[in-house]
């Protein structure tokens, strides 16, 4: 987990799973700090996750519109309905994260995408857990059938304009962290792309485009 050549690195002396349940485990480690102090450390471990910012197709050709598919899901930990973006953990054998993003979008919303492109990858709380979230932008999304939810998922599907969703992120009415990252990063990339276009519509640079794969 750490680079032992770095003087800030902790040395792991022993590691064991202290608690295990569907979805995540808690790991207990005995560690040695850089100053030689021996102590322990606990963290949550879980599979990587995908987060999808899905834009609805706006015409018969399937071009991306300004409407975004959002979900409302009950979150027991905070005892309220959470408004945000479809997301889910990867499964064994998910070598192609774009495929996993398509699956989670389809299962949670019933929508299918024409194209999926990687936007960014983040570690949302790496002081407490080893979670990695891969954020994707899906375009040309259209209804493709019913949801295919897990037994413990309670999800309602809605659509909203991207700018309205961005406004909800800015005013704090949407509090979901994954949604904050996806929406603000997309807005940032869009603004950088606009700034890169010189007067007359000439593209000054392609470097501002989001990184990643498409499928």
N, C-alpha and C. Protein backbone atom coordinates (compact mmCIF):
# COMPACT_ATOMS: atom_id res chain seq x y z
N UNK A 1 0.81 -1.21 0.00
CA UNK A 1 0.00 0.00 0.00
C UNK A 1 0.84 1.27 0.00
N UNK A 2 2.09 1.16 0.43
CA UNK A 2 2.94 2.35 0.49
C UNK A 2 4.27 2.05 -0.16
N UNK A 3 5.00 3.11 -0.48
CA UNK A 3 6.33 3.00 -1.04
C UNK A 3 7.33 3.08 0.11
N UNK A 4 7.97 1.92 0.44
CA UNK A 4 8.87 1.86 1.60
C UNK A 4 10.10 2.74 1.43
N UNK A 5 10.40 3.16 0.20
CA UNK A 5 11.55 4.03 -0.02
C UNK A 5 11.26 5.46 0.43
N UNK A 6 10.00 5.81 0.60
CA UNK A 6 9.63 7.16 1.01
C UNK A 6 9.78 7.28 2.52
N UNK A 7 10.43 8.32 3.02
CA UNK A 7 10.62 8.47 4.48
C UNK A 7 9.32 8.65 5.25
N UNK A 8 8.23 8.97 4.57
CA UNK A 8 6.94 9.09 5.23
C UNK A 8 6.22 7.75 5.37
N UNK A 9 6.74 6.70 4.72
CA UNK A 9 6.01 5.44 4.64
C UNK A 9 5.92 4.74 5.99
N UNK A 10 4.76 4.14 6.25
CA UNK A 10 4.60 3.24 7.38
C UNK A 10 4.98 1.83 6.95
N UNK A 11 5.50 1.05 7.88
CA UNK A 11 5.83 -0.35 7.61
C UNK A 11 4.73 -1.24 8.19
N UNK A 12 4.15 -2.10 7.35
CA UNK A 12 3.11 -3.03 7.80
C UNK A 12 3.76 -4.27 8.38
N UNK A 13 3.50 -4.55 9.65
CA UNK A 13 4.09 -5.70 10.34
C UNK A 13 3.18 -6.92 10.28
N UNK A 14 1.87 -6.70 10.30
CA UNK A 14 0.90 -7.80 10.22
C UNK A 14 -0.42 -7.24 9.73
N UNK A 15 -1.20 -8.09 9.05
CA UNK A 15 -2.47 -7.64 8.50
C UNK A 15 -3.47 -8.78 8.53
N UNK A 16 -4.72 -8.48 8.91
CA UNK A 16 -5.76 -9.51 8.96
C UNK A 16 -7.11 -8.85 8.80
N UNK A 17 -8.07 -9.60 8.26
CA UNK A 17 -9.44 -9.10 8.13
C UNK A 17 -10.12 -9.22 9.49
N UNK A 18 -10.55 -8.09 10.03
CA UNK A 18 -11.19 -8.07 11.35
C UNK A 18 -12.69 -8.28 11.26
N UNK A 19 -13.28 -7.86 10.15
CA UNK A 19 -14.73 -7.97 9.99
C UNK A 19 -15.03 -8.06 8.50
N UNK A 20 -15.97 -8.90 8.13
CA UNK A 20 -16.29 -9.11 6.73
C UNK A 20 -17.80 -9.17 6.56
N UNK A 21 -18.30 -8.50 5.50
CA UNK A 21 -19.72 -8.55 5.19
C UNK A 21 -19.87 -8.33 3.69
N UNK A 22 -21.06 -8.58 3.13
CA UNK A 22 -21.25 -8.33 1.69
C UNK A 22 -20.95 -6.88 1.33
N UNK A 23 -20.04 -6.69 0.39
CA UNK A 23 -19.73 -5.34 -0.07
C UNK A 23 -18.42 -4.78 0.40
N UNK A 24 -18.01 -5.10 1.65
CA UNK A 24 -16.76 -4.54 2.14
C UNK A 24 -16.23 -5.36 3.31
N UNK A 25 -14.97 -5.12 3.65
CA UNK A 25 -14.34 -5.74 4.80
C UNK A 25 -13.58 -4.67 5.57
N UNK A 26 -13.34 -4.94 6.86
CA UNK A 26 -12.50 -4.07 7.67
C UNK A 26 -11.19 -4.80 7.95
N UNK A 27 -10.09 -4.15 7.64
CA UNK A 27 -8.76 -4.74 7.80
C UNK A 27 -8.08 -4.12 9.02
N UNK A 28 -7.49 -4.97 9.85
CA UNK A 28 -6.70 -4.50 11.01
C UNK A 28 -5.22 -4.77 10.72
N UNK A 29 -4.40 -3.75 10.89
CA UNK A 29 -2.97 -3.89 10.64
C UNK A 29 -2.15 -3.42 11.84
N UNK A 30 -1.07 -4.12 12.10
CA UNK A 30 -0.03 -3.64 13.01
C UNK A 30 1.01 -2.94 12.15
N UNK A 31 1.33 -1.71 12.51
CA UNK A 31 2.22 -0.90 11.67
C UNK A 31 3.31 -0.26 12.51
N UNK A 32 4.39 0.10 11.83
CA UNK A 32 5.49 0.85 12.46
C UNK A 32 5.60 2.20 11.76
N UNK A 33 5.53 3.26 12.53
CA UNK A 33 5.59 4.61 12.00
C UNK A 33 7.03 5.00 11.66
N UNK A 34 7.21 6.07 10.89
CA UNK A 34 8.57 6.47 10.49
C UNK A 34 9.52 6.72 11.65
N UNK A 35 8.99 7.13 12.83
CA UNK A 35 9.87 7.39 13.97
C UNK A 35 10.14 6.14 14.79
N UNK A 36 9.63 4.98 14.31
CA UNK A 36 9.87 3.72 15.01
C UNK A 36 8.75 3.30 15.95
N UNK A 37 7.74 4.12 16.14
CA UNK A 37 6.62 3.78 17.02
C UNK A 37 5.77 2.68 16.42
N UNK A 38 5.45 1.66 17.21
CA UNK A 38 4.56 0.60 16.78
C UNK A 38 3.14 0.91 17.24
N UNK A 39 2.17 0.78 16.32
CA UNK A 39 0.77 1.04 16.65
C UNK A 39 -0.08 0.19 15.72
N UNK A 40 -1.39 0.45 15.71
CA UNK A 40 -2.25 -0.30 14.80
C UNK A 40 -3.12 0.65 13.99
N UNK A 41 -3.73 0.11 12.95
CA UNK A 41 -4.51 0.92 12.02
C UNK A 41 -5.59 0.05 11.42
N UNK A 42 -6.82 0.58 11.33
CA UNK A 42 -7.93 -0.13 10.73
C UNK A 42 -8.47 0.67 9.55
N UNK A 43 -8.82 -0.03 8.48
CA UNK A 43 -9.42 0.65 7.33
C UNK A 43 -10.41 -0.27 6.64
N UNK A 44 -11.31 0.34 5.90
CA UNK A 44 -12.31 -0.41 5.14
C UNK A 44 -11.77 -0.67 3.75
N UNK A 45 -11.96 -1.89 3.25
CA UNK A 45 -11.55 -2.24 1.89
C UNK A 45 -12.76 -2.71 1.11
N UNK A 46 -12.85 -2.29 -0.14
CA UNK A 46 -13.96 -2.69 -1.00
C UNK A 46 -13.50 -2.68 -2.45
N UNK A 47 -14.25 -3.34 -3.35
CA UNK A 47 -13.85 -3.34 -4.77
C UNK A 47 -13.94 -1.94 -5.37
N UNK A 48 -13.25 -1.70 -6.46
CA UNK A 48 -13.39 -0.42 -7.15
C UNK A 48 -14.85 -0.20 -7.58
N UNK A 49 -15.21 1.07 -7.78
CA UNK A 49 -16.58 1.41 -8.18
C UNK A 49 -16.55 2.27 -9.44
N UNK A 50 -17.67 2.24 -10.16
CA UNK A 50 -17.86 3.12 -11.31
C UNK A 50 -19.00 4.08 -11.00
N UNK A 51 -18.86 5.31 -11.46
CA UNK A 51 -19.87 6.35 -11.31
C UNK A 51 -20.17 6.87 -12.72
N UNK A 52 -21.45 7.05 -13.03
CA UNK A 52 -21.83 7.40 -14.40
C UNK A 52 -22.60 8.72 -14.43
N UNK A 53 -22.13 9.64 -15.26
CA UNK A 53 -22.84 10.88 -15.56
C UNK A 53 -23.52 10.67 -16.91
N UNK A 54 -24.82 10.31 -16.93
CA UNK A 54 -25.47 9.89 -18.18
C UNK A 54 -26.31 11.00 -18.81
N UNK A 55 -25.95 11.37 -20.03
CA UNK A 55 -26.70 12.37 -20.78
C UNK A 55 -27.70 11.69 -21.70
N UNK A 56 -28.94 12.17 -21.67
CA UNK A 56 -30.02 11.56 -22.45
C UNK A 56 -29.89 11.96 -23.91
N UNK A 57 -30.15 11.00 -24.81
CA UNK A 57 -30.18 11.30 -26.23
C UNK A 57 -31.30 12.29 -26.51
N UNK A 58 -31.01 13.32 -27.31
CA UNK A 58 -31.98 14.40 -27.51
C UNK A 58 -32.72 14.31 -28.83
N UNK A 59 -32.29 13.43 -29.74
CA UNK A 59 -32.99 13.34 -31.02
C UNK A 59 -32.92 11.91 -31.54
N UNK A 60 -33.54 11.70 -32.68
CA UNK A 60 -33.62 10.34 -33.23
C UNK A 60 -32.26 9.80 -33.60
N UNK A 61 -31.29 10.69 -33.87
CA UNK A 61 -29.94 10.25 -34.21
C UNK A 61 -29.14 9.83 -33.00
N UNK A 62 -29.68 10.09 -31.80
CA UNK A 62 -28.99 9.67 -30.58
C UNK A 62 -27.97 10.66 -30.06
N UNK A 63 -27.98 11.88 -30.58
CA UNK A 63 -27.02 12.88 -30.11
C UNK A 63 -27.28 13.19 -28.63
N UNK A 64 -26.22 13.52 -27.91
CA UNK A 64 -26.34 13.81 -26.49
C UNK A 64 -27.06 15.13 -26.28
N UNK A 65 -28.00 15.13 -25.35
CA UNK A 65 -28.70 16.36 -24.99
C UNK A 65 -28.14 16.94 -23.70
N UNK A 66 -28.90 17.87 -23.12
CA UNK A 66 -28.48 18.51 -21.88
C UNK A 66 -29.11 17.85 -20.66
N UNK A 67 -30.05 16.91 -20.89
CA UNK A 67 -30.71 16.24 -19.78
C UNK A 67 -29.84 15.11 -19.23
N UNK A 68 -29.81 14.99 -17.91
CA UNK A 68 -29.01 13.98 -17.24
C UNK A 68 -29.95 13.03 -16.49
N UNK A 69 -29.64 11.73 -16.54
CA UNK A 69 -30.38 10.74 -15.76
C UNK A 69 -29.84 10.76 -14.34
N UNK A 70 -30.71 10.93 -13.37
CA UNK A 70 -30.32 10.92 -11.97
C UNK A 70 -31.16 9.88 -11.22
N UNK A 71 -30.68 9.49 -10.06
CA UNK A 71 -31.43 8.54 -9.24
C UNK A 71 -31.67 9.13 -7.85
N UNK A 72 -32.73 8.66 -7.24
CA UNK A 72 -33.02 8.96 -5.84
C UNK A 72 -33.07 7.63 -5.11
N UNK A 73 -32.20 7.48 -4.13
CA UNK A 73 -32.01 6.20 -3.46
C UNK A 73 -31.98 6.39 -1.94
N UNK A 74 -32.66 5.50 -1.25
CA UNK A 74 -32.62 5.56 0.21
C UNK A 74 -31.24 5.16 0.71
N UNK A 75 -30.68 5.98 1.63
CA UNK A 75 -29.38 5.69 2.25
C UNK A 75 -29.58 5.56 3.75
N UNK A 76 -29.47 4.34 4.23
CA UNK A 76 -29.76 4.06 5.63
C UNK A 76 -28.79 4.76 6.58
N UNK A 77 -27.53 4.90 6.18
CA UNK A 77 -26.53 5.49 7.07
C UNK A 77 -26.88 6.92 7.46
N UNK A 78 -27.50 7.66 6.53
CA UNK A 78 -27.87 9.05 6.82
C UNK A 78 -29.39 9.21 6.94
N UNK A 79 -30.11 8.10 6.77
CA UNK A 79 -31.57 8.04 6.95
C UNK A 79 -32.31 9.09 6.13
N UNK A 80 -32.00 9.12 4.83
CA UNK A 80 -32.73 10.01 3.93
C UNK A 80 -32.55 9.52 2.50
N UNK A 81 -33.36 10.09 1.62
CA UNK A 81 -33.23 9.81 0.19
C UNK A 81 -32.08 10.64 -0.37
N UNK A 82 -31.20 9.99 -1.06
CA UNK A 82 -30.02 10.64 -1.65
C UNK A 82 -30.24 10.82 -3.15
N UNK A 83 -30.11 12.05 -3.62
CA UNK A 83 -30.24 12.34 -5.05
C UNK A 83 -28.84 12.43 -5.64
N UNK A 84 -28.62 11.69 -6.71
CA UNK A 84 -27.28 11.69 -7.29
C UNK A 84 -27.24 10.91 -8.59
N UNK A 85 -26.07 10.37 -8.89
CA UNK A 85 -25.82 9.67 -10.14
C UNK A 85 -25.77 8.16 -9.92
N UNK A 86 -26.10 7.37 -10.95
CA UNK A 86 -25.96 5.92 -10.82
C UNK A 86 -24.50 5.52 -10.62
N UNK A 87 -24.31 4.53 -9.77
CA UNK A 87 -22.95 4.08 -9.44
C UNK A 87 -23.05 2.68 -8.88
N UNK A 88 -21.92 1.97 -8.88
CA UNK A 88 -21.91 0.65 -8.29
C UNK A 88 -20.51 0.06 -8.28
N UNK A 89 -20.32 -0.95 -7.46
CA UNK A 89 -19.01 -1.60 -7.38
C UNK A 89 -18.81 -2.54 -8.56
N UNK A 90 -17.56 -2.72 -8.91
CA UNK A 90 -17.23 -3.65 -9.98
C UNK A 90 -17.36 -5.09 -9.48
N UNK A 91 -17.39 -5.99 -10.44
CA UNK A 91 -17.52 -7.41 -10.13
C UNK A 91 -16.26 -8.14 -10.57
N UNK A 92 -15.99 -9.34 -10.02
CA UNK A 92 -14.85 -10.12 -10.48
C UNK A 92 -14.91 -10.33 -12.00
N UNK A 93 -13.80 -10.10 -12.66
CA UNK A 93 -13.77 -10.24 -14.11
C UNK A 93 -14.08 -8.97 -14.86
N UNK A 94 -14.32 -7.86 -14.15
CA UNK A 94 -14.58 -6.58 -14.80
C UNK A 94 -13.26 -5.95 -15.25
N UNK A 95 -12.69 -6.49 -16.32
CA UNK A 95 -11.43 -5.94 -16.84
C UNK A 95 -11.65 -4.64 -17.59
N UNK A 96 -12.82 -4.48 -18.17
CA UNK A 96 -13.15 -3.27 -18.92
C UNK A 96 -14.12 -2.44 -18.08
N UNK A 97 -13.62 -1.35 -17.51
CA UNK A 97 -14.44 -0.53 -16.62
C UNK A 97 -15.57 0.16 -17.36
N UNK A 98 -15.39 0.44 -18.65
CA UNK A 98 -16.47 1.04 -19.43
C UNK A 98 -17.66 0.09 -19.53
N UNK A 99 -17.39 -1.19 -19.64
CA UNK A 99 -18.46 -2.19 -19.66
C UNK A 99 -19.17 -2.22 -18.32
N UNK A 100 -18.42 -2.14 -17.23
CA UNK A 100 -19.02 -2.10 -15.90
C UNK A 100 -19.90 -0.86 -15.74
N UNK A 101 -19.44 0.27 -16.27
CA UNK A 101 -20.24 1.50 -16.19
C UNK A 101 -21.55 1.34 -16.95
N UNK A 102 -21.50 0.74 -18.12
CA UNK A 102 -22.72 0.49 -18.89
C UNK A 102 -23.67 -0.41 -18.10
N UNK A 103 -23.14 -1.43 -17.47
CA UNK A 103 -23.98 -2.37 -16.71
C UNK A 103 -24.65 -1.68 -15.54
N UNK A 104 -23.90 -0.91 -14.78
CA UNK A 104 -24.48 -0.24 -13.62
C UNK A 104 -25.54 0.77 -14.04
N UNK A 105 -25.30 1.48 -15.13
CA UNK A 105 -26.31 2.41 -15.65
C UNK A 105 -27.57 1.66 -16.01
N UNK A 106 -27.43 0.56 -16.71
CA UNK A 106 -28.59 -0.23 -17.16
C UNK A 106 -29.35 -0.81 -15.97
N UNK A 107 -28.64 -1.36 -15.00
CA UNK A 107 -29.29 -2.01 -13.86
C UNK A 107 -30.02 -1.00 -12.97
N UNK A 108 -29.40 0.14 -12.72
CA UNK A 108 -29.99 1.08 -11.77
C UNK A 108 -31.04 1.99 -12.38
N UNK A 109 -30.96 2.24 -13.69
CA UNK A 109 -31.87 3.21 -14.30
C UNK A 109 -32.74 2.64 -15.41
N UNK A 110 -32.33 1.53 -16.02
CA UNK A 110 -33.04 1.02 -17.19
C UNK A 110 -32.62 1.70 -18.48
N UNK A 111 -31.64 2.62 -18.41
CA UNK A 111 -31.14 3.31 -19.60
C UNK A 111 -29.89 2.60 -20.14
N UNK A 112 -29.73 2.66 -21.47
CA UNK A 112 -28.52 2.19 -22.13
C UNK A 112 -27.87 3.36 -22.85
N UNK A 113 -26.53 3.32 -22.98
CA UNK A 113 -25.78 4.43 -23.56
C UNK A 113 -25.22 4.07 -24.93
N UNK A 114 -25.15 5.07 -25.80
CA UNK A 114 -24.46 4.89 -27.09
C UNK A 114 -22.95 4.86 -26.90
N UNK A 115 -22.44 5.72 -26.02
CA UNK A 115 -20.99 5.82 -25.83
C UNK A 115 -20.70 6.11 -24.36
N UNK A 116 -19.56 5.61 -23.90
CA UNK A 116 -19.12 5.80 -22.52
C UNK A 116 -17.65 6.20 -22.55
N UNK A 117 -17.30 7.29 -21.86
CA UNK A 117 -15.92 7.80 -21.86
C UNK A 117 -15.46 8.08 -20.44
N UNK A 118 -14.24 7.67 -20.14
CA UNK A 118 -13.67 7.90 -18.81
C UNK A 118 -13.43 9.39 -18.59
N UNK A 119 -13.81 9.88 -17.43
CA UNK A 119 -13.63 11.28 -17.08
C UNK A 119 -12.51 11.47 -16.08
N UNK A 120 -12.52 10.71 -14.97
CA UNK A 120 -11.47 10.84 -13.97
C UNK A 120 -11.54 9.65 -13.01
N UNK A 121 -10.50 9.49 -12.22
CA UNK A 121 -10.45 8.46 -11.19
C UNK A 121 -10.03 9.11 -9.88
N UNK A 122 -10.75 8.80 -8.81
CA UNK A 122 -10.48 9.45 -7.53
C UNK A 122 -10.44 8.42 -6.40
N UNK A 123 -9.80 8.79 -5.30
CA UNK A 123 -9.85 8.05 -4.04
C UNK A 123 -10.63 8.93 -3.07
N UNK A 124 -11.90 8.62 -2.81
CA UNK A 124 -12.77 9.57 -2.11
C UNK A 124 -12.44 9.83 -0.65
N UNK A 125 -11.83 8.86 0.03
CA UNK A 125 -11.54 9.05 1.46
C UNK A 125 -10.41 8.13 1.86
N UNK A 126 -9.21 8.37 1.30
CA UNK A 126 -8.13 7.40 1.46
C UNK A 126 -7.44 7.43 2.82
N UNK A 127 -7.96 8.24 3.74
CA UNK A 127 -7.51 8.12 5.13
C UNK A 127 -8.27 7.06 5.90
N UNK A 128 -9.40 6.63 5.35
CA UNK A 128 -10.26 5.66 6.03
C UNK A 128 -10.51 4.39 5.24
N UNK A 129 -10.42 4.46 3.92
CA UNK A 129 -10.76 3.31 3.07
C UNK A 129 -9.94 3.34 1.80
N UNK A 130 -9.87 2.15 1.16
CA UNK A 130 -9.05 2.05 -0.05
C UNK A 130 -9.89 2.17 -1.33
N UNK A 131 -11.09 2.71 -1.21
CA UNK A 131 -12.00 2.82 -2.35
C UNK A 131 -11.39 3.63 -3.49
N UNK A 132 -11.65 3.17 -4.72
CA UNK A 132 -11.28 3.89 -5.92
C UNK A 132 -12.54 4.03 -6.77
N UNK A 133 -12.87 5.25 -7.17
CA UNK A 133 -14.05 5.51 -7.99
C UNK A 133 -13.61 5.96 -9.38
N UNK A 134 -14.10 5.26 -10.38
CA UNK A 134 -13.83 5.60 -11.78
C UNK A 134 -15.07 6.26 -12.35
N UNK A 135 -14.95 7.53 -12.75
CA UNK A 135 -16.08 8.32 -13.20
C UNK A 135 -16.13 8.29 -14.72
N UNK A 136 -17.32 8.03 -15.26
CA UNK A 136 -17.52 7.96 -16.71
C UNK A 136 -18.64 8.91 -17.12
N UNK A 137 -18.52 9.44 -18.34
CA UNK A 137 -19.59 10.20 -18.97
C UNK A 137 -20.23 9.30 -20.02
N UNK A 138 -21.53 9.10 -19.92
CA UNK A 138 -22.28 8.30 -20.89
C UNK A 138 -23.14 9.24 -21.73
N UNK A 139 -23.14 9.06 -23.04
CA UNK A 139 -23.92 9.91 -23.93
C UNK A 139 -24.85 9.06 -24.78
N UNK A 140 -25.87 9.74 -25.31
CA UNK A 140 -26.86 9.05 -26.13
C UNK A 140 -27.68 8.05 -25.34
N UNK A 141 -27.99 8.37 -24.09
CA UNK A 141 -28.69 7.41 -23.22
C UNK A 141 -30.19 7.43 -23.52
N UNK A 142 -30.78 6.24 -23.55
CA UNK A 142 -32.20 6.09 -23.82
C UNK A 142 -32.74 4.92 -23.04
N UNK A 143 -34.05 4.95 -22.68
CA UNK A 143 -34.65 3.82 -21.97
C UNK A 143 -34.50 2.53 -22.76
N UNK A 144 -34.11 1.45 -22.06
CA UNK A 144 -33.89 0.17 -22.73
C UNK A 144 -34.59 -0.98 -22.02
N UNK A 145 -35.40 -0.67 -21.01
CA UNK A 145 -36.07 -1.73 -20.26
C UNK A 145 -36.23 -1.36 -18.81
N UNK A 146 -36.62 -2.34 -18.02
CA UNK A 146 -36.81 -2.12 -16.60
C UNK A 146 -35.49 -2.12 -15.84
N UNK A 147 -35.50 -1.56 -14.65
CA UNK A 147 -34.34 -1.65 -13.76
C UNK A 147 -34.11 -3.12 -13.36
N UNK A 148 -32.88 -3.41 -13.00
CA UNK A 148 -32.53 -4.73 -12.49
C UNK A 148 -31.78 -4.52 -11.17
N UNK A 149 -32.55 -4.24 -10.11
CA UNK A 149 -31.97 -3.81 -8.84
C UNK A 149 -31.63 -4.99 -7.95
N UNK A 150 -30.62 -4.78 -7.08
CA UNK A 150 -30.34 -5.75 -6.03
C UNK A 150 -31.48 -5.73 -5.01
N UNK A 151 -31.56 -6.78 -4.19
CA UNK A 151 -32.68 -6.91 -3.26
C UNK A 151 -32.75 -5.77 -2.26
N UNK A 152 -31.59 -5.15 -1.96
CA UNK A 152 -31.57 -4.09 -0.94
C UNK A 152 -31.43 -2.69 -1.56
N UNK A 153 -31.73 -2.55 -2.83
CA UNK A 153 -31.68 -1.24 -3.49
C UNK A 153 -33.10 -0.69 -3.66
N UNK A 154 -33.31 0.55 -3.22
CA UNK A 154 -34.59 1.25 -3.40
C UNK A 154 -34.28 2.51 -4.20
N UNK A 155 -34.53 2.47 -5.51
CA UNK A 155 -34.08 3.53 -6.41
C UNK A 155 -35.23 4.03 -7.27
N UNK A 156 -35.37 5.37 -7.33
CA UNK A 156 -36.32 6.04 -8.21
C UNK A 156 -35.51 6.80 -9.26
N UNK A 157 -35.94 6.76 -10.52
CA UNK A 157 -35.20 7.35 -11.63
C UNK A 157 -35.87 8.65 -12.06
N UNK A 158 -35.05 9.65 -12.38
CA UNK A 158 -35.55 10.95 -12.83
C UNK A 158 -34.55 11.50 -13.85
N UNK A 159 -34.93 12.58 -14.51
CA UNK A 159 -34.00 13.31 -15.38
C UNK A 159 -34.05 14.78 -15.00
N UNK A 160 -32.95 15.47 -15.25
CA UNK A 160 -32.87 16.90 -14.95
C UNK A 160 -31.85 17.53 -15.88
N UNK A 161 -31.98 18.82 -16.12
CA UNK A 161 -30.99 19.53 -16.93
C UNK A 161 -29.65 19.54 -16.21
N UNK A 162 -28.56 19.41 -16.97
CA UNK A 162 -27.23 19.40 -16.34
C UNK A 162 -27.00 20.67 -15.52
N UNK A 163 -27.37 21.83 -16.07
CA UNK A 163 -27.13 23.07 -15.33
C UNK A 163 -27.93 23.12 -14.04
N UNK A 164 -29.12 22.51 -14.03
CA UNK A 164 -29.90 22.44 -12.79
C UNK A 164 -29.22 21.54 -11.77
N UNK A 165 -28.65 20.43 -12.25
CA UNK A 165 -27.92 19.53 -11.36
C UNK A 165 -26.68 20.22 -10.82
N UNK A 166 -25.97 20.94 -11.67
CA UNK A 166 -24.80 21.70 -11.22
C UNK A 166 -25.21 22.74 -10.18
N UNK A 167 -26.35 23.40 -10.40
CA UNK A 167 -26.84 24.35 -9.42
C UNK A 167 -27.15 23.71 -8.08
N UNK A 168 -27.71 22.50 -8.11
CA UNK A 168 -28.02 21.78 -6.87
C UNK A 168 -26.75 21.36 -6.14
N UNK A 169 -25.71 21.04 -6.90
CA UNK A 169 -24.41 20.74 -6.29
C UNK A 169 -23.84 21.99 -5.63
N UNK A 170 -23.95 23.11 -6.32
CA UNK A 170 -23.37 24.36 -5.81
C UNK A 170 -24.11 24.87 -4.57
N UNK A 171 -25.44 24.71 -4.55
CA UNK A 171 -26.18 25.24 -3.40
C UNK A 171 -26.29 24.25 -2.25
N UNK A 172 -25.77 23.04 -2.44
CA UNK A 172 -25.72 22.07 -1.36
C UNK A 172 -26.95 21.20 -1.21
N UNK A 173 -27.95 21.37 -2.08
CA UNK A 173 -29.14 20.52 -1.98
C UNK A 173 -28.84 19.10 -2.44
N UNK A 174 -27.85 18.91 -3.29
CA UNK A 174 -27.30 17.58 -3.59
C UNK A 174 -26.01 17.45 -2.81
N UNK A 175 -25.95 16.44 -1.94
CA UNK A 175 -24.80 16.29 -1.04
C UNK A 175 -23.94 15.08 -1.36
N UNK A 176 -24.38 14.26 -2.30
CA UNK A 176 -23.66 13.04 -2.64
C UNK A 176 -22.27 13.36 -3.19
N UNK A 177 -21.22 12.82 -2.56
CA UNK A 177 -19.86 13.16 -2.93
C UNK A 177 -19.47 12.74 -4.33
N UNK A 178 -19.93 11.57 -4.75
CA UNK A 178 -19.60 11.09 -6.10
C UNK A 178 -20.21 12.00 -7.16
N UNK A 179 -21.42 12.48 -6.88
CA UNK A 179 -22.08 13.38 -7.81
C UNK A 179 -21.36 14.72 -7.87
N UNK A 180 -20.92 15.22 -6.72
CA UNK A 180 -20.15 16.47 -6.69
C UNK A 180 -18.92 16.36 -7.59
N UNK A 181 -18.18 15.26 -7.46
CA UNK A 181 -16.95 15.10 -8.24
C UNK A 181 -17.26 15.04 -9.73
N UNK A 182 -18.22 14.19 -10.10
CA UNK A 182 -18.52 13.99 -11.52
C UNK A 182 -19.03 15.28 -12.17
N UNK A 183 -19.95 15.95 -11.50
CA UNK A 183 -20.58 17.14 -12.09
C UNK A 183 -19.60 18.30 -12.16
N UNK A 184 -18.87 18.55 -11.08
CA UNK A 184 -17.94 19.69 -11.10
C UNK A 184 -16.75 19.43 -12.02
N UNK A 185 -16.27 18.19 -12.10
CA UNK A 185 -15.16 17.89 -13.01
C UNK A 185 -15.62 18.05 -14.47
N UNK A 186 -16.83 17.57 -14.76
CA UNK A 186 -17.34 17.73 -16.12
C UNK A 186 -17.50 19.22 -16.46
N UNK A 187 -18.05 19.98 -15.53
CA UNK A 187 -18.21 21.42 -15.76
C UNK A 187 -16.85 22.10 -15.96
N UNK A 188 -15.85 21.68 -15.19
CA UNK A 188 -14.51 22.23 -15.35
C UNK A 188 -13.94 21.91 -16.72
N UNK A 189 -14.05 20.66 -17.14
CA UNK A 189 -13.52 20.28 -18.45
C UNK A 189 -14.24 21.05 -19.56
N UNK A 190 -15.55 21.22 -19.41
CA UNK A 190 -16.32 21.97 -20.41
C UNK A 190 -15.85 23.41 -20.48
N UNK A 191 -15.61 24.01 -19.32
CA UNK A 191 -15.13 25.40 -19.29
C UNK A 191 -13.74 25.51 -19.90
N UNK A 192 -12.87 24.55 -19.59
CA UNK A 192 -11.52 24.57 -20.17
C UNK A 192 -11.57 24.39 -21.67
N UNK A 193 -12.46 23.51 -22.13
CA UNK A 193 -12.62 23.33 -23.58
C UNK A 193 -13.09 24.61 -24.24
N UNK A 194 -14.04 25.31 -23.59
CA UNK A 194 -14.53 26.57 -24.15
C UNK A 194 -13.42 27.61 -24.20
N UNK A 195 -12.59 27.65 -23.16
CA UNK A 195 -11.49 28.62 -23.12
C UNK A 195 -10.44 28.32 -24.17
N UNK A 196 -10.35 27.03 -24.56
CA UNK A 196 -9.33 26.64 -25.53
C UNK A 196 -9.71 26.98 -26.96
N UNK A 197 -10.95 27.39 -27.17
CA UNK A 197 -11.40 27.74 -28.51
C UNK A 197 -11.18 29.24 -28.73
N UNK A 198 -10.33 29.56 -29.67
CA UNK A 198 -10.00 30.95 -29.94
C UNK A 198 -11.16 31.64 -30.66
N UNK A 199 -11.15 32.97 -30.72
CA UNK A 199 -12.18 33.69 -31.48
C UNK A 199 -12.27 33.17 -32.90
N UNK A 200 -13.49 33.00 -33.38
CA UNK A 200 -13.67 32.43 -34.71
C UNK A 200 -13.87 30.93 -34.67
N UNK A 201 -13.82 30.32 -33.45
CA UNK A 201 -14.10 28.89 -33.33
C UNK A 201 -12.90 28.01 -33.57
N UNK A 202 -11.67 28.58 -33.59
CA UNK A 202 -10.48 27.77 -33.82
C UNK A 202 -10.07 27.10 -32.52
N UNK A 203 -9.87 25.80 -32.55
CA UNK A 203 -9.48 25.05 -31.36
C UNK A 203 -8.01 25.32 -31.06
N UNK A 204 -7.75 26.00 -29.92
CA UNK A 204 -6.37 26.38 -29.59
C UNK A 204 -5.56 25.20 -29.10
N UNK A 205 -6.21 24.21 -28.44
CA UNK A 205 -5.48 23.05 -27.93
C UNK A 205 -6.44 21.92 -27.69
N UNK A 206 -5.96 20.72 -27.85
CA UNK A 206 -6.78 19.54 -27.54
C UNK A 206 -6.46 18.99 -26.17
N UNK A 207 -5.55 19.64 -25.45
CA UNK A 207 -5.08 19.09 -24.18
C UNK A 207 -6.12 19.17 -23.08
N UNK A 208 -7.15 19.98 -23.25
CA UNK A 208 -8.13 20.15 -22.19
C UNK A 208 -9.20 19.07 -22.20
N UNK A 209 -9.19 18.17 -23.18
CA UNK A 209 -10.23 17.13 -23.27
C UNK A 209 -10.08 16.16 -22.12
N UNK A 210 -11.23 15.60 -21.62
CA UNK A 210 -11.16 14.60 -20.54
C UNK A 210 -10.30 13.42 -20.95
N UNK A 211 -9.57 12.85 -19.96
CA UNK A 211 -8.71 11.73 -20.22
C UNK A 211 -9.52 10.45 -20.27
N UNK A 212 -8.95 9.41 -20.83
CA UNK A 212 -9.51 8.08 -20.61
C UNK A 212 -9.97 7.37 -21.86
N UNK A 213 -10.70 6.26 -21.59
CA UNK A 213 -11.12 5.33 -22.61
C UNK A 213 -12.53 5.65 -23.07
N UNK A 214 -12.88 5.15 -24.22
CA UNK A 214 -14.25 5.23 -24.67
C UNK A 214 -14.67 3.86 -25.17
N UNK A 215 -15.96 3.60 -25.10
CA UNK A 215 -16.48 2.31 -25.54
C UNK A 215 -17.92 2.48 -25.93
